[in-house]
Amino acid sequence: MWTNEDPEEDGAQSAPKFPDWPSDVSWQLLGANEMLEIRDIEVRVDMQQEQADGSIRYAASGIEDAREYLRDSAARIGLEAWRVSQELRTKAGAQPFKFSDEGGNFAEALTDRVEKLDQQQRDWEERRAKAAASGESDDLL
């Protein structure tokens, strides 16, 4: 997310590929539901990356648009992974992860970015609904 916001960086960078799962994990110790939730993270990441790739392919007019799509996709992927990990820790009875008082809190940064994106989407939908109600063309939106 931050790489694609950095004006010093060249090009656009997508989120890294999801690593192969280690072969020596004892999944049966987690339970079937927990295993499926964890393994589902990879599917969710792949779907977000495919959506970003499609947006770039069909909607990006240049490198800045590509950077924006990739930045926003990385924020959603990161926040989704964070939420799933926190839910699994809670279900397992493990202590929630706490960020130190010093330094950054990436979960807050991801949450802020995704909330901003969601608000932009709601604003756009509201404008579109108003335009449709008044008979305006959505070409202007």
Protein backbone atom coordinates (compact mmCIF):
# COMPACT_ATOMS: atom_id res chain seq x y z
CA MET A 1 0.00 0.00 0.00
CA TRP A 2 2.67 2.48 1.04
CA THR A 3 4.97 1.67 -1.87
CA ASN A 4 2.27 2.73 -4.33
CA GLU A 5 1.74 6.00 -2.43
CA ASP A 6 5.45 6.86 -2.44
CA PRO A 7 6.31 9.36 -5.20
CA GLU A 8 9.95 8.23 -5.00
CA GLU A 9 9.01 4.73 -6.18
CA ASP A 10 9.01 3.92 -9.88
CA GLY A 11 6.18 1.98 -11.45
CA ALA A 12 3.33 0.23 -9.71
CA GLN A 13 3.81 -2.71 -7.39
CA SER A 14 1.25 -5.39 -6.72
CA ALA A 15 0.96 -7.24 -3.44
CA PRO A 16 3.42 -10.13 -3.21
CA LYS A 17 2.20 -13.56 -4.29
CA PHE A 18 0.86 -15.71 -1.50
CA PRO A 19 3.62 -18.12 -0.41
CA ASP A 20 3.19 -21.87 -0.65
CA TRP A 21 1.82 -23.39 2.52
CA PRO A 22 4.40 -25.28 4.53
CA SER A 23 4.03 -29.03 4.02
CA ASP A 24 4.74 -29.89 7.65
CA VAL A 25 1.77 -28.10 9.25
CA SER A 26 -0.36 -30.37 11.44
CA TRP A 27 -3.71 -29.01 10.30
CA GLN A 28 -5.67 -31.64 12.24
CA LEU A 29 -4.57 -29.95 15.49
CA LEU A 30 -6.51 -26.84 14.53
CA GLY A 31 -9.81 -28.43 13.70
CA ALA A 32 -11.56 -28.60 10.34
CA ASN A 33 -13.33 -25.23 10.51
CA GLU A 34 -10.23 -23.34 11.58
CA MET A 35 -8.15 -25.04 8.90
CA LEU A 36 -10.67 -24.04 6.23
CA GLU A 37 -10.74 -20.44 7.47
CA ILE A 38 -6.97 -20.22 7.38
CA ARG A 39 -6.65 -21.85 3.97
CA ASP A 40 -9.41 -19.56 2.69
CA ILE A 41 -7.13 -16.55 3.22
CA GLU A 42 -5.21 -17.56 0.10
CA VAL A 43 -8.41 -17.69 -1.95
CA ARG A 44 -9.47 -14.26 -0.69
CA VAL A 45 -6.05 -12.81 -1.51
CA ASP A 46 -6.16 -14.30 -5.02
CA MET A 47 -9.64 -12.85 -5.61
CA GLN A 48 -8.54 -9.36 -4.50
CA GLN A 49 -5.46 -9.55 -6.71
CA GLU A 50 -7.50 -10.69 -9.72
CA GLN A 51 -9.94 -7.82 -9.16
CA ALA A 52 -7.07 -5.32 -9.05
CA ASP A 53 -5.50 -6.84 -12.17
CA GLY A 54 -8.83 -6.60 -14.00
CA SER A 55 -9.32 -3.01 -12.93
CA ILE A 56 -5.86 -2.12 -14.19
CA ARG A 57 -6.34 -3.96 -17.45
CA TYR A 58 -9.72 -2.43 -18.24
CA ALA A 59 -9.84 0.89 -16.41
CA ALA A 60 -6.37 2.25 -15.68
CA SER A 61 -5.32 4.99 -18.07
CA GLY A 62 -1.73 5.09 -16.85
CA ILE A 63 0.75 4.25 -14.15
CA GLU A 64 -0.90 6.51 -11.55
CA ASP A 65 -4.23 4.74 -11.97
CA ALA A 66 -2.47 1.37 -11.71
CA ARG A 67 -0.74 2.48 -8.52
CA GLU A 68 -4.08 3.55 -7.07
CA TYR A 69 -5.79 0.24 -7.87
CA LEU A 70 -2.86 -1.73 -6.46
CA ARG A 71 -2.62 0.45 -3.34
CA ASP A 72 -6.30 0.04 -2.59
CA SER A 73 -6.21 -3.69 -3.28
CA ALA A 74 -3.22 -4.11 -0.95
CA ALA A 75 -5.12 -2.25 1.80
CA ARG A 76 -8.13 -4.55 1.44
CA ILE A 77 -5.98 -7.70 1.30
CA GLY A 78 -3.98 -6.66 4.35
CA LEU A 79 -7.03 -5.72 6.39
CA GLU A 80 -8.83 -8.94 5.48
CA ALA A 81 -5.82 -11.03 6.54
CA TRP A 82 -5.54 -9.03 9.78
CA ARG A 83 -9.22 -9.51 10.62
CA VAL A 84 -9.14 -13.24 9.93
CA SER A 85 -6.03 -13.66 12.08
CA GLN A 86 -7.63 -11.73 14.95
CA GLU A 87 -10.83 -13.77 14.72
CA LEU A 88 -8.87 -17.02 14.78
CA ARG A 89 -6.82 -15.88 17.79
CA THR A 90 -10.04 -15.02 19.63
CA LYS A 91 -11.65 -18.39 18.80
CA ALA A 92 -8.51 -20.19 19.94
CA GLY A 93 -8.48 -18.30 23.23
CA ALA A 94 -5.14 -16.65 22.44
CA GLN A 95 -4.40 -13.12 23.55
CA PRO A 96 -5.14 -10.51 20.87
CA PHE A 97 -2.05 -9.10 19.21
CA LYS A 98 -1.15 -5.68 20.61
CA PHE A 99 0.98 -3.13 18.85
CA SER A 100 3.63 -1.41 20.91
CA ASP A 101 2.99 2.18 21.92
CA GLU A 102 6.05 3.19 19.92
CA GLY A 103 6.10 2.76 16.17
CA GLY A 104 3.40 2.22 13.62
CA ASN A 105 0.15 0.33 13.77
CA PHE A 106 -0.43 -1.06 10.31
CA ALA A 107 -3.91 -2.33 11.24
CA GLU A 108 -5.08 1.24 11.94
CA ALA A 109 -3.57 2.49 8.68
CA LEU A 110 -5.26 -0.30 6.71
CA THR A 111 -8.56 0.27 8.49
CA ASP A 112 -8.43 4.02 7.81
CA ARG A 113 -7.69 3.46 4.11
CA VAL A 114 -10.45 0.87 3.64
CA GLU A 115 -12.97 3.03 5.52
CA LYS A 116 -12.09 5.93 3.20
CA LEU A 117 -12.57 3.70 0.14
CA ASP A 118 -15.90 2.42 1.44
CA GLN A 119 -17.08 6.00 2.10
CA GLN A 120 -16.07 7.03 -1.42
CA GLN A 121 -18.11 4.11 -2.78
CA ARG A 122 -21.16 5.09 -0.70
CA ASP A 123 -20.84 8.72 -1.83
CA TRP A 124 -20.62 7.65 -5.47
CA GLU A 125 -23.68 5.37 -5.12
CA GLU A 126 -25.62 8.20 -3.48
CA ARG A 127 -24.72 10.63 -6.29
CA ARG A 128 -25.67 8.03 -8.87
CA ALA A 129 -29.04 7.37 -7.19
CA LYS A 130 -29.78 11.11 -7.04
CA ALA A 131 -28.82 11.52 -10.68
CA ALA A 132 -31.04 8.62 -11.68
CA ALA A 133 -33.94 10.00 -9.64
CA SER A 134 -33.65 13.39 -11.31
CA GLY A 135 -33.26 11.90 -14.79
CA GLU A 136 -29.61 12.94 -15.21
CA SER A 137 -27.19 10.79 -17.15
CA ASP A 138 -24.64 8.83 -15.14
CA ASP A 139 -22.04 9.77 -17.74
CA LEU A 140 -21.43 12.87 -15.63
CA LEU A 141 -20.60 10.77 -12.57
